Each structure stands twice: as C-alpha cells, then as structure tokens.
C-alpha cells in the first residue's frame, strides 16, 4: 500500500521520464490520505507552437483508487478528452472490481500545506456546445424535477444566472451570495446548481471552483455532477 506522501514526491517530478508536473494549488480542504492507489498523470507537452495534454495512465489496478495528477497550466479544452477517458475507464466494471474505489484529482491545500484529493469519477461532462441554461431550454425534460441555478466561470469573472456578478469577492462571500439568492428563489422542487466553465481557463482555476462548490452545501439541494465546458464561439442558442 502506498500513502499519499509517496504520491506527493512522484507527482511533483517524474524522474523516470524527466518530466516536471506542477499540480494545482488552492485553499480548499480535501481528503489527505488515500490508501491502495494507482497513479495517473496528465502532463503538459509543448510541440512547436502547440500545447498538448499527454495522458500517462499506466498500470491502473481496478481494485485500487486512482490518484490523478494534472498539470495546473493546462487549459480545460486540452483536458476534456483525457479526463473523459479516465472516467470511462474508472466506471467500467471488471471481474476484479470490488466497488467503493474512486478516481481523484490531486492538489496542494495551501491552508493546511498538504496534498489533498477530490473525487471526480461521478462527473458527467457536456463540452463545447452549451451553457447549462441553454441546454435545459433545448432539453426541458432533462433534470425537470429540479429548480435550476447556473454559475458561469470565465477566466476573470463569475456570473450567477447570467446576470449577477460575483467578481472581486472571496469564495465565502460568493457562496453566501449564491446561498441567499437560491434561498430567496426556491420552490417546492429541490435546488440544483450547475457549473459552467470556459474551456480556455486553466485547470488550476477549474479545480479551485469545482472543489469549492462540490463540497459546499446549498439550500434544499446540491451542486450537480453534470458540468458544462463551453466554447464561446460554439455555444448553441
């Protein structure tokens, strides 16, 4: 069994291939110990003018947790395919699968100064064509039993329901404002907060807000496991 401290050292520098990987840093608490694990890396590779995400999935064992180190400098648009591949592989049941094993993103918790982990194998990713609000307009029967709220994360801005700016606030202030808005606009239906991420933001920024809203309670509901990664040029109306 391998504890997280061994993973920290190998995640920061993969000596066998002389490849450096810079894992995300944020101030969200998370799980600090994951026993029985296999390691996965998504490295940043520069080929002339192109920056690519290189997935090194290696010998993942189905009966272990999968600890995934992603270079924080990569953009979401480069990560959709490899993250989906990991999720699909993790969800595939083998004859040795025992249940209860997850895929985790790794990051540095800057408050507690420890490497931490957040699970992501339950994610459902809808990429490029829609924001959540326009998606549910086109497919109104999807998640129809929920009262929907939509948070959009761009490189330098956050917006709730296309109209409420959450810029220049701490994350706790942002959470309180969302809480208040959802509480004031609630209905008999349970609430769902849907996260929308601009495909051009860094993985570091994505993970910061993904963890924060995944682990924070909201009135009469929760944050959806379905996330939308959008391209502003290709959003379907």
Protein backbone atom coordinates (compact mmCIF):
# COMPACT_ATOMS: atom_id res chain seq x y z
CA UNK A 1 0.00 0.00 0.00
CA UNK A 2 1.21 3.47 -0.84
CA UNK A 3 0.26 6.50 1.21
CA UNK A 4 -0.12 10.00 -0.10
CA UNK A 5 3.37 11.20 0.87
CA UNK A 6 4.92 8.91 -1.72
CA UNK A 7 2.44 10.22 -4.25
CA UNK A 8 3.39 13.85 -3.48
CA UNK A 9 7.01 13.28 -4.35
CA UNK A 10 6.32 11.40 -7.55
CA UNK A 11 3.61 13.85 -8.65
CA UNK A 12 5.93 16.84 -8.45
CA UNK A 13 8.61 15.25 -10.59
CA UNK A 14 8.51 12.07 -12.63
CA UNK A 15 12.14 11.10 -12.60
CA UNK A 16 11.88 8.19 -14.99
CA UNK A 17 10.93 10.47 -17.88
CA UNK A 18 12.45 13.72 -16.59
CA UNK A 19 9.05 15.36 -16.88
CA UNK A 20 8.04 18.06 -14.44
CA UNK A 21 4.40 18.37 -13.46
CA UNK A 22 3.02 21.30 -11.49
CA UNK A 23 -0.05 20.19 -9.58
CA UNK A 24 -2.81 22.69 -8.67
CA UNK A 25 -2.68 24.81 -5.52
CA UNK A 26 -5.79 26.17 -3.80
CA UNK A 27 -7.23 26.81 -0.35
CA UNK A 28 -9.90 24.09 -0.30
CA UNK A 29 -9.67 21.31 2.28
CA UNK A 30 -9.93 17.76 0.99
CA UNK A 31 -9.09 14.15 1.71
CA UNK A 32 -5.48 13.85 2.85
CA UNK A 33 -4.99 10.09 2.89
CA UNK A 34 -5.87 7.61 0.15
CA UNK A 35 -4.61 4.09 0.65
CA UNK A 36 -4.34 1.41 -2.04
CA UNK A 37 -3.79 3.60 -5.06
CA UNK A 38 -2.58 3.65 -8.63
CA UNK A 39 -1.18 6.82 -10.16
CA UNK A 40 -2.20 8.63 -13.34
CA UNK A 41 -0.56 11.73 -14.82
CA UNK A 42 -1.71 14.29 -17.35
CA UNK A 43 1.43 16.13 -18.41
CA UNK A 44 1.88 19.33 -20.35
CA UNK A 45 3.73 18.76 -23.61
CA UNK A 46 4.82 21.56 -25.94
CA UNK A 47 5.20 20.67 -29.62
CA UNK A 48 6.40 23.72 -31.55
CA UNK A 49 3.53 26.20 -31.03
CA UNK A 50 1.02 23.66 -29.73
CA UNK A 51 0.47 22.83 -26.08
CA UNK A 52 -0.88 19.33 -25.57
CA UNK A 53 -2.12 17.24 -22.67
CA UNK A 54 -0.30 13.91 -22.53
CA UNK A 55 -2.12 11.20 -20.60
CA UNK A 56 0.05 8.61 -18.83
CA UNK A 57 -2.46 6.15 -17.48
CA UNK A 58 -0.01 3.29 -16.89
CA UNK A 59 -0.88 0.21 -14.86
CA UNK A 60 -4.13 1.23 -13.19
CA UNK A 61 -5.47 -1.54 -10.98
CA UNK A 62 -9.25 -1.72 -10.76
CA UNK A 63 -9.18 -2.71 -7.09
CA UNK A 64 -7.32 0.49 -6.12
CA UNK A 65 -8.16 4.18 -6.02
CA UNK A 66 -6.72 6.21 -8.91
CA UNK A 67 -4.79 9.34 -7.97
CA UNK A 68 -4.63 11.71 -10.93
CA UNK A 69 -2.05 14.49 -11.10
CA UNK A 70 -2.88 17.09 -13.77
CA UNK A 71 -0.52 19.90 -14.71
CA UNK A 72 -2.24 23.05 -13.48
CA UNK A 73 -1.08 25.09 -16.50
CA UNK A 74 -3.13 23.07 -18.97
CA UNK A 75 -6.39 24.53 -20.30
CA UNK A 76 -9.71 22.75 -19.97
CA UNK A 77 -10.00 22.46 -23.75
CA UNK A 78 -6.90 20.24 -23.67
CA UNK A 79 -8.24 18.10 -20.82
CA UNK A 80 -11.78 17.13 -21.82
CA UNK A 81 -10.71 14.02 -23.76
CA UNK A 82 -8.21 12.61 -21.23
CA UNK A 83 -10.49 13.26 -18.23
CA UNK A 84 -13.41 11.59 -20.01
CA UNK A 85 -11.16 8.63 -20.82
CA UNK A 86 -10.24 8.21 -17.14
CA UNK A 87 -13.88 8.47 -16.04
CA UNK A 88 -14.99 5.88 -18.62
CA UNK A 89 -12.20 3.51 -17.62
CA UNK A 90 -12.91 4.00 -13.90
CA UNK A 91 -16.64 3.33 -14.33
CA UNK A 92 -16.05 0.18 -16.35
CA UNK A 93 -16.60 -2.84 -14.14
CA UNK A 94 -14.04 -5.62 -14.31
CA UNK A 95 -14.26 -9.10 -12.83
CA UNK A 96 -11.94 -7.90 -10.03
CA UNK A 97 -13.86 -4.70 -9.24
CA UNK A 98 -14.99 -4.58 -5.60
CA UNK A 99 -16.80 -1.23 -5.54
CA UNK A 100 -16.05 1.83 -3.46
CA UNK A 101 -12.96 2.79 -5.45
CA UNK A 102 -12.71 6.25 -6.96
CA UNK A 103 -10.66 8.44 -9.27
CA UNK A 104 -9.27 11.52 -7.51
CA UNK A 105 -7.68 14.75 -8.65
CA UNK A 106 -4.66 15.72 -6.55
CA UNK A 107 -3.79 19.26 -5.45
CA UNK A 108 -1.94 21.16 -2.74
CA UNK A 109 -4.12 22.51 0.08
CA UNK A 110 -2.37 25.84 0.69
CA UNK A 111 -4.03 26.37 4.09
CA UNK A 112 -3.01 23.08 5.67
CA UNK A 113 0.09 22.76 3.46
CA UNK A 114 -0.73 19.19 2.49
CA UNK A 115 -1.51 17.37 -0.70
CA UNK A 116 -5.26 16.69 -0.84
CA UNK A 117 -7.61 14.74 -3.10
CA UNK A 118 -11.11 15.24 -4.53
CA UNK A 119 -13.06 12.55 -6.37
CA UNK A 120 -14.27 13.13 -9.93
CA UNK A 121 -15.37 9.76 -11.29
CA UNK A 122 -19.07 10.68 -10.94
CA UNK A 123 -18.65 13.68 -13.25
CA UNK A 124 -20.70 13.95 -16.42
CA UNK A 125 -19.11 16.40 -18.86
CA UNK A 126 -21.02 18.20 -21.59
CA UNK A 127 -18.42 20.01 -23.67
CA UNK A 128 -18.26 22.86 -26.22
CA UNK A 129 -21.82 23.41 -27.41
CA UNK A 130 -23.93 24.52 -24.49
CA UNK A 131 -24.17 26.50 -21.32
CA UNK A 132 -26.41 24.75 -18.81
CA UNK A 133 -29.15 27.35 -19.19
CA UNK A 134 -29.38 26.94 -22.97
CA UNK A 135 -29.02 23.16 -22.70
CA UNK A 136 -32.10 22.90 -20.49
CA UNK A 137 -34.04 25.22 -22.78
CA UNK A 138 -33.38 22.79 -25.62
CA UNK A 139 -33.94 19.70 -23.46
CA UNK A 140 -36.56 20.84 -20.93
CA UNK A 141 -37.30 17.33 -19.67
CA UNK A 142 -33.69 16.85 -18.53
CA UNK A 143 -33.49 17.17 -14.74
CA UNK A 144 -37.00 18.60 -14.84
CA UNK A 145 -37.66 17.78 -11.18
CA UNK A 146 -35.05 20.33 -10.08
CA UNK A 147 -35.13 24.09 -9.58
CA UNK A 148 -32.06 25.11 -11.62
CA UNK A 149 -29.39 27.75 -10.97
CA UNK A 150 -26.41 28.39 -13.23
CA UNK A 151 -22.90 29.54 -12.30
CA UNK A 152 -20.52 30.54 -15.11
CA UNK A 153 -16.76 30.62 -14.52
CA UNK A 154 -14.67 32.59 -17.00
CA UNK A 155 -11.00 33.49 -16.77
CA UNK A 156 -11.61 36.75 -14.90
CA UNK A 157 -15.26 36.63 -13.89
CA UNK A 158 -18.03 34.63 -12.22
CA UNK A 159 -21.70 35.11 -13.01
CA UNK A 160 -24.83 33.60 -11.49
CA UNK A 161 -27.85 33.10 -13.77
CA UNK A 162 -26.33 35.32 -16.49
CA UNK A 163 -26.99 38.50 -14.53
CA UNK A 164 -25.46 38.51 -11.04
CA UNK A 165 -21.77 39.37 -11.00
CA UNK A 166 -19.72 37.66 -8.29
CA UNK A 167 -16.43 39.34 -9.14
CA UNK A 168 -13.96 40.75 -6.61
CA UNK A 169 -15.33 38.72 -3.72
CA UNK A 170 -13.86 36.00 -1.56
CA UNK A 171 -15.15 32.48 -2.16
CA UNK A 172 -17.01 32.59 1.14
CA UNK A 173 -18.74 35.81 0.08
CA UNK A 174 -19.58 34.23 -3.27
CA UNK A 175 -21.05 31.21 -1.53
CA UNK A 176 -23.12 33.37 0.80
CA UNK A 177 -24.48 35.42 -2.09
CA UNK A 178 -25.42 32.28 -4.02
CA UNK A 179 -26.97 30.80 -0.87
CA UNK A 180 -29.07 33.92 -0.31
CA UNK A 181 -30.20 34.06 -3.95
CA UNK A 182 -31.16 30.40 -4.06
CA UNK A 183 -32.99 30.63 -0.72
CA UNK A 184 -34.97 33.64 -1.94
CA UNK A 185 -35.83 31.98 -5.27
CA UNK A 186 -36.54 28.49 -4.07
CA UNK A 187 -39.62 26.46 -4.88
CA UNK A 188 -41.05 23.12 -3.91
CA UNK A 189 -38.53 21.46 -6.20
CA UNK A 190 -35.07 20.66 -4.80
CA UNK A 191 -32.37 23.05 -5.99
CA UNK A 192 -29.52 22.21 -8.34
CA UNK A 193 -26.51 24.42 -9.01
CA UNK A 194 -24.97 23.76 -12.43
CA UNK A 195 -21.35 24.74 -13.03
CA UNK A 196 -20.25 26.14 -16.40
CA UNK A 197 -16.55 26.52 -17.17
CA UNK A 198 -14.99 28.41 -20.04
CA UNK A 199 -12.82 25.91 -21.93
CA UNK A 200 -9.93 28.42 -22.01
CA UNK A 201 -9.44 28.67 -18.24
CA UNK A 202 -6.57 26.80 -16.62
CA UNK A 203 -7.06 23.52 -14.82
CA UNK A 204 -5.90 25.31 -11.67
CA UNK A 205 -8.85 27.74 -11.82
CA UNK A 206 -11.30 24.98 -12.75
CA UNK A 207 -10.29 22.74 -9.86
CA UNK A 208 -10.44 25.58 -7.34
CA UNK A 209 -14.13 26.25 -8.03
CA UNK A 210 -15.06 22.64 -8.75
CA UNK A 211 -13.86 21.57 -5.30
CA UNK A 212 -15.35 24.58 -3.54
CA UNK A 213 -18.87 24.09 -4.87
CA UNK A 214 -18.75 20.30 -4.77
CA UNK A 215 -18.09 20.41 -1.03
CA UNK A 216 -20.28 23.39 -0.04
CA UNK A 217 -23.96 22.93 0.87
CA UNK A 218 -26.67 24.89 -0.92
CA UNK A 219 -30.31 25.45 0.08
CA UNK A 220 -32.58 22.41 -0.37
CA UNK A 221 -30.31 20.73 -2.90
CA UNK A 222 -26.78 20.23 -4.13
CA UNK A 223 -24.32 21.01 -6.91
CA UNK A 224 -24.96 18.85 -9.97
CA UNK A 225 -22.47 16.20 -11.07
CA UNK A 226 -23.08 17.39 -14.65
CA UNK A 227 -20.70 20.18 -15.63
CA UNK A 228 -20.63 22.22 -18.82
CA UNK A 229 -17.38 23.19 -20.52
CA UNK A 230 -18.20 25.76 -23.14
CA UNK A 231 -16.58 27.46 -26.10
CA UNK A 232 -17.96 30.98 -26.50
CA UNK A 233 -17.68 30.66 -30.29
CA UNK A 234 -19.75 27.50 -30.47
CA UNK A 235 -22.48 27.97 -27.85
CA UNK A 236 -25.79 26.77 -29.19
CA UNK A 237 -28.65 29.15 -28.58
